[in-house]
């Protein structure tokens, strides 16, 4: 095999660059297609009836996240109420919230739901004002010393358990586990692990 000199290699690169840049005008170039965001694949900005606010509409992507978040919270609460903490549920994490009663608990669960929906909607492509996240950053939100609504710091095992609740909720709400969409949602959750796991 012949070895090219550095000069010949540089000449080849420069010549290639020249011909590539002259091969078509910038008006003829078609931009590479970008893949749709997770939010778009969950329905995007299309207006749909909001079953949680009768008579109103919401974005389809936001509604998909709302369903998954509500199901996730229901899964967590069901596990906490039916199994002792020793079995690895997230009871200690949600103890402050679950110790509240009546309207206070309902209001704070609604606030948690809305914050989670806003956070995930906005950060996966739902950038319309309806999805504005104004809550704490993830490190603060998951540190009991800075957020009295968080019972304890998360371990990696706790976070894996949380991902399992989200995965089950996603499947319940029509996101099949063997799809790219499901994998992409898990990837978003995994990207948050280093910030949320603080123990």
N, C-alpha and C. Protein backbone atom coordinates (compact mmCIF):
# COMPACT_ATOMS: atom_id res chain seq x y z
N UNK A 1 0.85 -1.17 0.00
CA UNK A 1 0.00 0.00 0.00
C UNK A 1 0.90 1.23 0.00
N UNK A 2 0.61 2.18 -0.90
CA UNK A 2 1.41 3.39 -0.98
C UNK A 2 1.10 4.32 0.16
N UNK A 3 2.11 4.98 0.65
CA UNK A 3 1.90 5.99 1.68
C UNK A 3 1.90 7.35 1.00
N UNK A 4 0.89 8.14 1.33
CA UNK A 4 0.81 9.49 0.79
C UNK A 4 1.64 10.42 1.66
N UNK A 5 2.26 11.39 1.02
CA UNK A 5 2.97 12.39 1.79
C UNK A 5 1.96 13.31 2.45
N UNK A 6 2.41 14.01 3.45
CA UNK A 6 1.52 14.96 4.13
C UNK A 6 1.04 16.01 3.14
N UNK A 7 1.92 16.42 2.23
CA UNK A 7 1.56 17.44 1.25
C UNK A 7 0.45 16.92 0.33
N UNK A 8 0.59 15.70 -0.16
CA UNK A 8 -0.41 15.13 -1.06
C UNK A 8 -1.75 14.96 -0.34
N UNK A 9 -1.70 14.56 0.92
CA UNK A 9 -2.93 14.38 1.70
C UNK A 9 -3.62 15.72 1.91
N UNK A 10 -2.85 16.77 2.23
CA UNK A 10 -3.43 18.10 2.41
C UNK A 10 -4.04 18.59 1.11
N UNK A 11 -3.34 18.36 0.00
CA UNK A 11 -3.85 18.79 -1.30
C UNK A 11 -5.17 18.09 -1.62
N UNK A 12 -5.26 16.82 -1.30
CA UNK A 12 -6.47 16.04 -1.53
C UNK A 12 -7.63 16.59 -0.71
N UNK A 13 -7.39 16.89 0.55
CA UNK A 13 -8.44 17.43 1.43
C UNK A 13 -8.90 18.79 0.92
N UNK A 14 -7.96 19.67 0.57
CA UNK A 14 -8.32 21.01 0.09
C UNK A 14 -9.10 20.92 -1.22
N UNK A 15 -8.66 20.06 -2.12
CA UNK A 15 -9.35 19.89 -3.39
C UNK A 15 -10.76 19.36 -3.18
N UNK A 16 -10.92 18.39 -2.28
CA UNK A 16 -12.25 17.84 -1.97
C UNK A 16 -13.15 18.92 -1.42
N UNK A 17 -12.62 19.71 -0.51
CA UNK A 17 -13.41 20.78 0.08
C UNK A 17 -13.83 21.79 -0.97
N UNK A 18 -12.91 22.10 -1.92
CA UNK A 18 -13.23 23.06 -2.97
C UNK A 18 -14.35 22.54 -3.85
N UNK A 19 -14.22 21.31 -4.32
CA UNK A 19 -15.25 20.77 -5.21
C UNK A 19 -16.58 20.58 -4.49
N UNK A 20 -16.53 20.21 -3.24
CA UNK A 20 -17.77 20.06 -2.47
C UNK A 20 -18.48 21.39 -2.33
N UNK A 21 -17.71 22.45 -2.04
CA UNK A 21 -18.34 23.75 -1.84
C UNK A 21 -18.85 24.32 -3.14
N UNK A 22 -18.26 23.93 -4.29
CA UNK A 22 -18.70 24.46 -5.58
C UNK A 22 -19.73 23.58 -6.25
N UNK A 23 -20.02 22.43 -5.72
CA UNK A 23 -20.89 21.48 -6.41
C UNK A 23 -22.33 21.94 -6.50
N UNK A 24 -22.79 22.75 -5.58
CA UNK A 24 -24.15 23.25 -5.66
C UNK A 24 -24.23 24.56 -4.90
N UNK A 25 -25.19 25.36 -5.29
CA UNK A 25 -25.37 26.61 -4.56
C UNK A 25 -26.08 26.34 -3.26
N UNK A 26 -25.99 27.27 -2.33
CA UNK A 26 -26.63 27.06 -1.03
C UNK A 26 -28.13 26.97 -1.15
N UNK A 27 -28.70 27.49 -2.25
CA UNK A 27 -30.16 27.41 -2.45
C UNK A 27 -30.60 26.00 -2.82
N UNK A 28 -29.65 25.20 -3.36
CA UNK A 28 -30.00 23.85 -3.80
C UNK A 28 -29.90 22.82 -2.69
N UNK A 29 -29.29 23.17 -1.59
CA UNK A 29 -29.05 22.19 -0.54
C UNK A 29 -30.30 21.97 0.29
N UNK A 30 -30.59 20.71 0.54
CA UNK A 30 -31.71 20.35 1.39
C UNK A 30 -31.16 20.02 2.76
N UNK A 31 -31.68 20.70 3.80
CA UNK A 31 -31.16 20.40 5.13
C UNK A 31 -31.45 18.95 5.51
N UNK A 32 -30.55 18.39 6.28
CA UNK A 32 -30.75 17.02 6.75
C UNK A 32 -32.00 16.98 7.62
N UNK A 33 -32.83 15.97 7.42
CA UNK A 33 -34.05 15.90 8.23
C UNK A 33 -33.71 15.67 9.69
N UNK A 34 -34.40 16.40 10.55
CA UNK A 34 -34.19 16.19 11.98
C UNK A 34 -35.30 15.28 12.49
N UNK A 35 -34.96 14.48 13.47
CA UNK A 35 -35.98 13.58 14.00
C UNK A 35 -36.93 14.38 14.89
N UNK A 36 -38.20 14.02 14.90
CA UNK A 36 -39.16 14.74 15.73
C UNK A 36 -38.81 14.58 17.22
N UNK A 37 -39.13 15.59 17.98
CA UNK A 37 -38.88 15.54 19.43
C UNK A 37 -39.78 14.49 20.07
N UNK A 38 -39.46 14.14 21.29
CA UNK A 38 -40.32 13.22 22.04
C UNK A 38 -41.71 13.84 22.17
N UNK A 39 -41.76 15.12 22.48
CA UNK A 39 -43.05 15.81 22.65
C UNK A 39 -43.88 15.70 21.36
N UNK A 40 -43.24 15.90 20.21
CA UNK A 40 -43.95 15.80 18.93
C UNK A 40 -44.46 14.38 18.72
N UNK A 41 -43.64 13.38 19.07
CA UNK A 41 -44.06 11.98 18.87
C UNK A 41 -45.17 11.57 19.84
N UNK A 42 -45.32 12.32 20.93
CA UNK A 42 -46.43 12.06 21.87
C UNK A 42 -47.70 12.81 21.45
N UNK A 43 -47.66 13.49 20.33
CA UNK A 43 -48.82 14.21 19.83
C UNK A 43 -48.56 15.67 19.56
N UNK A 44 -47.48 16.21 20.12
CA UNK A 44 -47.09 17.57 19.82
C UNK A 44 -48.07 18.63 20.27
N UNK A 45 -48.16 19.67 19.48
CA UNK A 45 -48.96 20.84 19.83
C UNK A 45 -50.40 20.77 19.33
N UNK A 46 -50.77 19.66 18.73
CA UNK A 46 -52.15 19.54 18.24
C UNK A 46 -53.14 19.72 19.38
N UNK A 47 -54.15 20.59 19.20
CA UNK A 47 -55.13 20.78 20.28
C UNK A 47 -56.05 19.57 20.41
N UNK A 48 -56.26 19.14 21.63
CA UNK A 48 -57.15 18.01 21.92
C UNK A 48 -57.99 18.36 23.15
N UNK A 49 -59.16 17.75 23.27
CA UNK A 49 -59.96 17.98 24.49
C UNK A 49 -59.19 17.53 25.73
N UNK A 50 -59.29 18.31 26.79
CA UNK A 50 -58.59 18.00 28.03
C UNK A 50 -59.56 17.31 28.99
N UNK A 51 -59.43 16.00 29.17
CA UNK A 51 -60.38 15.28 30.03
C UNK A 51 -60.28 15.68 31.50
N UNK A 52 -59.17 16.32 31.89
CA UNK A 52 -58.99 16.74 33.28
C UNK A 52 -59.56 18.14 33.53
N UNK A 53 -59.87 18.85 32.47
CA UNK A 53 -60.49 20.18 32.53
C UNK A 53 -61.58 20.25 31.48
N UNK A 54 -62.74 19.62 31.74
CA UNK A 54 -63.81 19.56 30.74
C UNK A 54 -64.15 20.93 30.16
N UNK A 55 -64.34 20.92 28.85
CA UNK A 55 -64.67 22.16 28.15
C UNK A 55 -63.43 22.91 27.67
N UNK A 56 -62.26 22.43 28.02
CA UNK A 56 -61.01 23.08 27.60
C UNK A 56 -60.22 22.15 26.70
N UNK A 57 -59.25 22.72 26.00
CA UNK A 57 -58.33 21.92 25.20
C UNK A 57 -56.93 22.05 25.76
N UNK A 58 -56.09 21.13 25.37
CA UNK A 58 -54.67 21.16 25.72
C UNK A 58 -53.90 20.63 24.53
N UNK A 59 -52.61 20.65 24.59
CA UNK A 59 -51.80 20.07 23.53
C UNK A 59 -51.73 18.56 23.72
N UNK A 60 -51.73 17.83 22.61
CA UNK A 60 -51.72 16.37 22.67
C UNK A 60 -50.49 15.84 23.41
N UNK A 61 -49.33 16.46 23.17
CA UNK A 61 -48.11 16.02 23.87
C UNK A 61 -48.23 16.24 25.37
N UNK A 62 -48.79 17.37 25.76
CA UNK A 62 -48.98 17.67 27.18
C UNK A 62 -49.95 16.68 27.81
N UNK A 63 -51.02 16.36 27.10
CA UNK A 63 -52.00 15.40 27.63
C UNK A 63 -51.34 14.03 27.81
N UNK A 64 -50.50 13.63 26.85
CA UNK A 64 -49.81 12.34 26.98
C UNK A 64 -48.94 12.33 28.24
N UNK A 65 -48.19 13.40 28.46
CA UNK A 65 -47.36 13.48 29.67
C UNK A 65 -48.22 13.52 30.93
N UNK A 66 -49.33 14.23 30.88
CA UNK A 66 -50.21 14.30 32.05
C UNK A 66 -50.70 12.91 32.43
N UNK A 67 -51.09 12.14 31.44
CA UNK A 67 -51.57 10.77 31.71
C UNK A 67 -50.46 9.91 32.32
N UNK A 68 -49.26 10.02 31.77
CA UNK A 68 -48.14 9.21 32.28
C UNK A 68 -47.77 9.65 33.69
N UNK A 69 -47.72 10.95 33.94
CA UNK A 69 -47.36 11.44 35.27
C UNK A 69 -48.41 11.04 36.30
N UNK A 70 -49.68 11.21 35.96
CA UNK A 70 -50.75 10.82 36.89
C UNK A 70 -50.68 9.32 37.19
N UNK A 71 -50.47 8.51 36.16
CA UNK A 71 -50.35 7.06 36.36
C UNK A 71 -49.12 6.71 37.19
N UNK A 72 -48.01 7.42 36.96
CA UNK A 72 -46.79 7.16 37.74
C UNK A 72 -47.05 7.43 39.22
N UNK A 73 -47.68 8.57 39.52
CA UNK A 73 -47.97 8.91 40.92
C UNK A 73 -48.92 7.89 41.52
N UNK A 74 -49.92 7.45 40.76
CA UNK A 74 -50.84 6.41 41.26
C UNK A 74 -50.09 5.11 41.53
N UNK A 75 -49.16 4.74 40.65
CA UNK A 75 -48.37 3.52 40.85
C UNK A 75 -47.52 3.61 42.11
N UNK A 76 -46.92 4.76 42.33
CA UNK A 76 -46.08 4.96 43.52
C UNK A 76 -46.92 4.86 44.78
N UNK A 77 -48.05 5.57 44.79
CA UNK A 77 -48.92 5.56 45.98
C UNK A 77 -49.48 4.16 46.23
N UNK A 78 -49.88 3.47 45.18
CA UNK A 78 -50.41 2.11 45.35
C UNK A 78 -49.36 1.18 45.96
N UNK A 79 -48.12 1.32 45.50
CA UNK A 79 -47.05 0.48 46.04
C UNK A 79 -46.78 0.83 47.50
N UNK A 80 -46.79 2.12 47.82
CA UNK A 80 -46.55 2.55 49.20
C UNK A 80 -47.64 2.05 50.13
N UNK A 81 -48.89 2.14 49.70
CA UNK A 81 -49.99 1.76 50.59
C UNK A 81 -50.18 0.25 50.70
N UNK A 82 -49.66 -0.51 49.74
CA UNK A 82 -49.88 -1.95 49.82
C UNK A 82 -48.64 -2.75 50.23
N UNK A 83 -47.48 -2.11 50.27
CA UNK A 83 -46.25 -2.83 50.62
C UNK A 83 -45.46 -2.06 51.67
N UNK A 84 -44.82 -2.77 52.59
CA UNK A 84 -43.99 -2.07 53.59
C UNK A 84 -42.75 -1.48 52.94
N UNK A 85 -42.22 -0.38 53.50
CA UNK A 85 -41.03 0.26 52.94
C UNK A 85 -39.85 -0.69 52.76
N UNK A 86 -39.77 -1.72 53.58
CA UNK A 86 -38.66 -2.66 53.48
C UNK A 86 -38.60 -3.33 52.11
N UNK A 87 -39.72 -3.33 51.38
CA UNK A 87 -39.74 -3.95 50.06
C UNK A 87 -39.23 -3.00 48.97
N UNK A 88 -38.73 -1.84 49.36
CA UNK A 88 -38.09 -0.96 48.41
C UNK A 88 -38.99 0.07 47.73
N UNK A 89 -40.19 0.30 48.28
CA UNK A 89 -41.01 1.34 47.65
C UNK A 89 -40.47 2.72 48.02
N UNK A 90 -41.08 3.75 47.47
CA UNK A 90 -40.57 5.11 47.66
C UNK A 90 -41.31 5.87 48.76
N UNK A 91 -41.85 5.15 49.72
CA UNK A 91 -42.61 5.77 50.81
C UNK A 91 -41.85 6.85 51.54
N UNK A 92 -40.58 6.61 51.83
CA UNK A 92 -39.79 7.59 52.58
C UNK A 92 -39.61 8.89 51.79
N UNK A 93 -39.53 8.77 50.47
CA UNK A 93 -39.36 9.96 49.63
C UNK A 93 -40.61 10.84 49.64
N UNK A 94 -41.76 10.19 49.62
CA UNK A 94 -43.02 10.92 49.51
C UNK A 94 -43.72 11.09 50.85
N UNK A 95 -43.06 10.73 51.94
CA UNK A 95 -43.69 10.82 53.27
C UNK A 95 -44.24 12.20 53.59
N UNK A 96 -43.50 13.29 53.34
CA UNK A 96 -44.06 14.61 53.66
C UNK A 96 -45.36 14.89 52.91
N UNK A 97 -45.40 14.55 51.65
CA UNK A 97 -46.59 14.79 50.85
C UNK A 97 -47.74 13.88 51.29
N UNK A 98 -47.43 12.62 51.52
CA UNK A 98 -48.49 11.67 51.87
C UNK A 98 -48.99 11.85 53.30
N UNK A 99 -48.23 12.55 54.12
CA UNK A 99 -48.69 12.80 55.49
C UNK A 99 -49.71 13.93 55.53
N UNK A 100 -49.79 14.69 54.46
CA UNK A 100 -50.79 15.75 54.38
C UNK A 100 -52.16 15.11 54.18
N UNK A 101 -53.19 15.84 54.50
CA UNK A 101 -54.53 15.29 54.39
C UNK A 101 -55.45 16.22 53.61
N UNK A 102 -56.53 15.64 53.14
CA UNK A 102 -57.61 16.41 52.54
C UNK A 102 -57.20 17.30 51.40
N UNK A 103 -57.73 18.54 51.41
CA UNK A 103 -57.52 19.48 50.32
C UNK A 103 -56.05 19.86 50.17
N UNK A 104 -55.32 19.90 51.28
CA UNK A 104 -53.89 20.26 51.20
C UNK A 104 -53.14 19.22 50.38
N UNK A 105 -53.40 17.94 50.66
CA UNK A 105 -52.73 16.89 49.91
C UNK A 105 -53.14 16.92 48.45
N UNK A 106 -54.42 17.09 48.18
CA UNK A 106 -54.90 17.14 46.79
C UNK A 106 -54.26 18.30 46.03
N UNK A 107 -54.18 19.45 46.67
CA UNK A 107 -53.56 20.63 46.03
C UNK A 107 -52.09 20.38 45.76
N UNK A 108 -51.39 19.81 46.71
CA UNK A 108 -49.95 19.59 46.54
C UNK A 108 -49.66 18.47 45.56
N UNK A 109 -50.52 17.44 45.49
CA UNK A 109 -50.36 16.41 44.46
C UNK A 109 -50.59 17.02 43.08
N UNK A 110 -51.58 17.90 42.96
CA UNK A 110 -51.85 18.58 41.69
C UNK A 110 -50.66 19.44 41.28
N UNK A 111 -50.06 20.12 42.26
CA UNK A 111 -48.88 20.95 41.97
C UNK A 111 -47.70 20.09 41.53
N UNK A 112 -47.48 18.98 42.20
CA UNK A 112 -46.41 18.06 41.82
C UNK A 112 -46.65 17.55 40.39
N UNK A 113 -47.88 17.15 40.12
CA UNK A 113 -48.23 16.65 38.78
C UNK A 113 -47.95 17.72 37.74
N UNK A 114 -48.43 18.93 37.97
CA UNK A 114 -48.25 20.02 37.01
C UNK A 114 -46.77 20.34 36.81
N UNK A 115 -45.99 20.36 37.89
CA UNK A 115 -44.56 20.62 37.76
C UNK A 115 -43.86 19.55 36.92
N UNK A 116 -44.21 18.29 37.18
CA UNK A 116 -43.59 17.21 36.41
C UNK A 116 -43.99 17.27 34.94
N UNK A 117 -45.26 17.53 34.67
CA UNK A 117 -45.74 17.64 33.29
C UNK A 117 -45.03 18.80 32.59
N UNK A 118 -44.95 19.95 33.25
CA UNK A 118 -44.27 21.10 32.65
C UNK A 118 -42.80 20.80 32.38
N UNK A 119 -42.13 20.20 33.37
CA UNK A 119 -40.71 19.91 33.24
C UNK A 119 -40.44 18.99 32.05
N UNK A 120 -41.14 17.86 31.99
CA UNK A 120 -40.88 16.90 30.92
C UNK A 120 -41.38 17.39 29.57
N UNK A 121 -42.52 18.08 29.55
CA UNK A 121 -43.01 18.61 28.29
C UNK A 121 -42.02 19.61 27.69
N UNK A 122 -41.62 20.57 28.49
CA UNK A 122 -40.72 21.61 28.00
C UNK A 122 -39.37 21.03 27.57
N UNK A 123 -38.83 20.15 28.37
CA UNK A 123 -37.49 19.63 28.10
C UNK A 123 -37.43 18.54 27.04
N UNK A 124 -38.57 18.17 26.48
CA UNK A 124 -38.57 17.20 25.39
C UNK A 124 -39.21 17.78 24.13
N UNK A 125 -39.31 19.12 24.07
CA UNK A 125 -39.76 19.76 22.84
C UNK A 125 -41.04 20.56 22.92
N UNK A 126 -41.74 20.53 24.03
CA UNK A 126 -42.99 21.29 24.16
C UNK A 126 -42.72 22.68 24.70
N UNK A 127 -42.23 23.55 23.84
CA UNK A 127 -41.73 24.85 24.30
C UNK A 127 -42.77 25.98 24.26
N UNK A 128 -44.03 25.66 24.02
CA UNK A 128 -45.06 26.70 24.09
C UNK A 128 -45.26 27.13 25.54
N UNK A 129 -45.79 28.33 25.75
CA UNK A 129 -45.97 28.84 27.12
C UNK A 129 -46.79 27.93 28.04
N UNK A 130 -47.64 27.09 27.48
CA UNK A 130 -48.45 26.18 28.31
C UNK A 130 -47.56 25.25 29.15
N UNK A 131 -46.33 25.03 28.70
CA UNK A 131 -45.43 24.08 29.35
C UNK A 131 -44.30 24.75 30.13
N UNK A 132 -44.49 25.93 30.61
CA UNK A 132 -43.43 26.65 31.32
C UNK A 132 -43.19 26.02 32.69
N UNK A 133 -41.94 25.61 32.91
CA UNK A 133 -41.57 25.02 34.20
C UNK A 133 -40.99 26.11 35.09
N UNK A 134 -41.58 26.29 36.26
CA UNK A 134 -41.11 27.32 37.19
C UNK A 134 -40.70 26.72 38.53
N UNK A 135 -40.60 25.40 38.58
CA UNK A 135 -40.23 24.73 39.83
C UNK A 135 -38.74 24.82 40.10
N UNK A 136 -38.32 24.09 41.13
CA UNK A 136 -36.91 24.06 41.53
C UNK A 136 -36.09 23.30 40.50
N UNK A 137 -34.78 23.58 40.49
CA UNK A 137 -33.91 22.76 39.67
C UNK A 137 -33.88 21.35 40.29
N UNK A 138 -33.48 20.37 39.52
CA UNK A 138 -33.58 18.98 39.96
C UNK A 138 -32.72 18.67 41.18
N UNK A 139 -31.55 19.26 41.30
CA UNK A 139 -30.70 19.00 42.46
C UNK A 139 -31.36 19.52 43.73
N UNK A 140 -31.92 20.71 43.68
CA UNK A 140 -32.59 21.29 44.85
C UNK A 140 -33.86 20.53 45.18
N UNK A 141 -34.64 20.22 44.17
CA UNK A 141 -35.93 19.54 44.38
C UNK A 141 -35.77 18.19 45.06
N UNK A 142 -34.63 17.53 44.85
CA UNK A 142 -34.43 16.19 45.39
C UNK A 142 -33.51 16.15 46.60
N UNK A 143 -33.27 17.32 47.19
CA UNK A 143 -32.44 17.40 48.38
C UNK A 143 -33.32 17.82 49.56
N UNK A 144 -33.58 16.91 50.50
CA UNK A 144 -34.47 17.23 51.63
C UNK A 144 -34.00 18.43 52.46
N UNK A 145 -32.73 18.71 52.47
CA UNK A 145 -32.23 19.86 53.22
C UNK A 145 -32.67 21.17 52.57
N UNK A 146 -32.97 21.13 51.30
CA UNK A 146 -33.38 22.34 50.57
C UNK A 146 -34.85 22.32 50.17
N UNK A 147 -35.45 21.15 50.21
CA UNK A 147 -36.86 21.00 49.83
C UNK A 147 -37.57 20.15 50.88
N UNK A 148 -38.31 20.77 51.77
CA UNK A 148 -38.98 20.01 52.83
C UNK A 148 -40.05 19.05 52.33
N UNK A 149 -40.41 19.14 51.06
CA UNK A 149 -41.39 18.21 50.49
C UNK A 149 -40.76 16.89 50.07
N UNK A 150 -39.43 16.80 50.11
CA UNK A 150 -38.73 15.57 49.77
C UNK A 150 -38.31 14.90 51.06
N UNK A 151 -38.71 13.65 51.24
CA UNK A 151 -38.46 12.96 52.50
C UNK A 151 -37.01 12.57 52.74
N UNK A 152 -36.40 11.94 51.74
CA UNK A 152 -35.01 11.48 51.87
C UNK A 152 -34.32 11.64 50.52
N UNK A 153 -32.98 11.57 50.56
CA UNK A 153 -32.22 11.59 49.30
C UNK A 153 -32.38 10.27 48.57
N UNK A 154 -32.25 10.32 47.26
CA UNK A 154 -32.42 9.12 46.43
C UNK A 154 -31.12 8.36 46.26
N UNK A 155 -31.24 7.05 46.28
CA UNK A 155 -30.13 6.18 45.91
C UNK A 155 -30.33 5.79 44.45
N UNK A 156 -29.36 5.16 43.87
CA UNK A 156 -29.50 4.69 42.50
C UNK A 156 -30.62 3.65 42.40
N UNK A 157 -30.73 2.80 43.41
CA UNK A 157 -31.81 1.79 43.42
C UNK A 157 -33.18 2.46 43.48
N UNK A 158 -33.30 3.53 44.29
CA UNK A 158 -34.56 4.28 44.35
C UNK A 158 -34.92 4.83 42.98
N UNK A 159 -33.92 5.39 42.31
CA UNK A 159 -34.18 6.01 41.01
C UNK A 159 -34.56 4.96 39.96
N UNK A 160 -33.92 3.80 40.03
CA UNK A 160 -34.28 2.71 39.12
C UNK A 160 -35.73 2.30 39.37
N UNK A 161 -36.12 2.25 40.64
CA UNK A 161 -37.51 1.93 40.99
C UNK A 161 -38.45 2.97 40.38
N UNK A 162 -38.10 4.26 40.51
CA UNK A 162 -38.90 5.33 39.94
C UNK A 162 -39.04 5.16 38.43
N UNK A 163 -37.93 4.85 37.76
CA UNK A 163 -37.98 4.62 36.31
C UNK A 163 -38.94 3.47 35.97
N UNK A 164 -38.97 2.45 36.82
CA UNK A 164 -39.90 1.35 36.61
C UNK A 164 -41.36 1.80 36.69
N UNK A 165 -41.66 2.68 37.65
CA UNK A 165 -43.01 3.22 37.76
C UNK A 165 -43.37 4.02 36.50
N UNK A 166 -42.42 4.84 36.04
CA UNK A 166 -42.67 5.65 34.83
C UNK A 166 -42.86 4.74 33.62
N UNK A 167 -42.00 3.72 33.50
CA UNK A 167 -42.12 2.79 32.38
C UNK A 167 -43.47 2.09 32.36
N UNK A 168 -43.91 1.63 33.52
CA UNK A 168 -45.23 0.97 33.59
C UNK A 168 -46.34 1.95 33.23
N UNK A 169 -46.22 3.18 33.67
CA UNK A 169 -47.22 4.21 33.36
C UNK A 169 -47.24 4.53 31.88
N UNK A 170 -46.06 4.59 31.27
CA UNK A 170 -45.98 4.86 29.83
C UNK A 170 -46.66 3.75 29.04
N UNK A 171 -46.38 2.50 29.41
CA UNK A 171 -47.00 1.36 28.71
C UNK A 171 -48.52 1.39 28.90
N UNK A 172 -48.97 1.65 30.12
CA UNK A 172 -50.40 1.74 30.39
C UNK A 172 -51.08 2.78 29.51
N UNK A 173 -50.33 3.84 29.17
CA UNK A 173 -50.89 4.94 28.39
C UNK A 173 -50.48 4.92 26.92
N UNK A 174 -50.12 3.74 26.41
CA UNK A 174 -49.95 3.57 24.98
C UNK A 174 -48.55 3.68 24.40
N UNK A 175 -47.53 3.79 25.24
CA UNK A 175 -46.16 3.82 24.73
C UNK A 175 -45.58 2.42 24.91
N UNK A 176 -45.51 1.67 23.83
CA UNK A 176 -45.03 0.30 23.91
C UNK A 176 -43.57 0.25 24.33
N UNK A 177 -43.24 -0.72 25.17
CA UNK A 177 -41.89 -0.81 25.75
C UNK A 177 -40.81 -1.13 24.72
N UNK A 178 -41.16 -1.71 23.60
CA UNK A 178 -40.16 -2.11 22.62
C UNK A 178 -40.02 -1.09 21.48
N UNK A 179 -40.29 0.18 21.76
CA UNK A 179 -40.23 1.21 20.72
C UNK A 179 -39.10 2.20 20.96
N UNK A 180 -38.75 2.92 19.92
CA UNK A 180 -37.73 3.97 20.04
C UNK A 180 -38.22 5.07 20.97
N UNK A 181 -39.51 5.38 20.91
CA UNK A 181 -40.07 6.42 21.77
C UNK A 181 -39.86 6.07 23.24
N UNK A 182 -40.15 4.84 23.61
CA UNK A 182 -39.96 4.37 24.99
C UNK A 182 -38.48 4.50 25.37
N UNK A 183 -37.59 4.03 24.49
CA UNK A 183 -36.15 4.11 24.76
C UNK A 183 -35.70 5.55 24.94
N UNK A 184 -36.26 6.46 24.14
CA UNK A 184 -35.88 7.86 24.24
C UNK A 184 -36.37 8.48 25.55
N UNK A 185 -37.53 8.08 26.01
CA UNK A 185 -38.04 8.57 27.30
C UNK A 185 -37.14 8.07 28.43
N UNK A 186 -36.75 6.81 28.37
CA UNK A 186 -35.84 6.26 29.38
C UNK A 186 -34.51 7.00 29.34
N UNK A 187 -34.04 7.35 28.14
CA UNK A 187 -32.77 8.09 28.01
C UNK A 187 -32.86 9.46 28.70
N UNK A 188 -34.01 10.12 28.58
CA UNK A 188 -34.20 11.40 29.27
C UNK A 188 -34.12 11.18 30.78
N UNK A 189 -34.81 10.15 31.27
CA UNK A 189 -34.76 9.86 32.70
C UNK A 189 -33.34 9.55 33.15
N UNK A 190 -32.63 8.78 32.35
CA UNK A 190 -31.24 8.43 32.70
C UNK A 190 -30.35 9.66 32.73
N UNK A 191 -30.63 10.63 31.87
CA UNK A 191 -29.81 11.84 31.86
C UNK A 191 -29.95 12.64 33.16
N UNK A 192 -31.05 12.41 33.88
CA UNK A 192 -31.28 13.11 35.14
C UNK A 192 -30.72 12.37 36.35
N UNK A 193 -30.38 11.10 36.17
CA UNK A 193 -29.91 10.27 37.29
C UNK A 193 -28.76 10.91 38.07
N UNK A 194 -27.71 11.40 37.42
CA UNK A 194 -26.58 11.95 38.20
C UNK A 194 -26.98 13.13 39.09
N UNK A 195 -27.98 13.89 38.68
CA UNK A 195 -28.41 15.05 39.46
C UNK A 195 -29.33 14.64 40.59
N UNK A 196 -30.22 13.69 40.32
CA UNK A 196 -31.25 13.31 41.29
C UNK A 196 -30.71 12.36 42.35
N UNK A 197 -29.85 11.44 41.95
CA UNK A 197 -29.29 10.48 42.91
C UNK A 197 -28.22 11.22 43.72
N UNK A 198 -28.51 11.40 45.01
CA UNK A 198 -27.62 12.20 45.86
C UNK A 198 -27.10 11.42 47.06
N UNK A 199 -27.30 10.13 47.05
CA UNK A 199 -26.85 9.28 48.17
C UNK A 199 -26.22 8.03 47.65
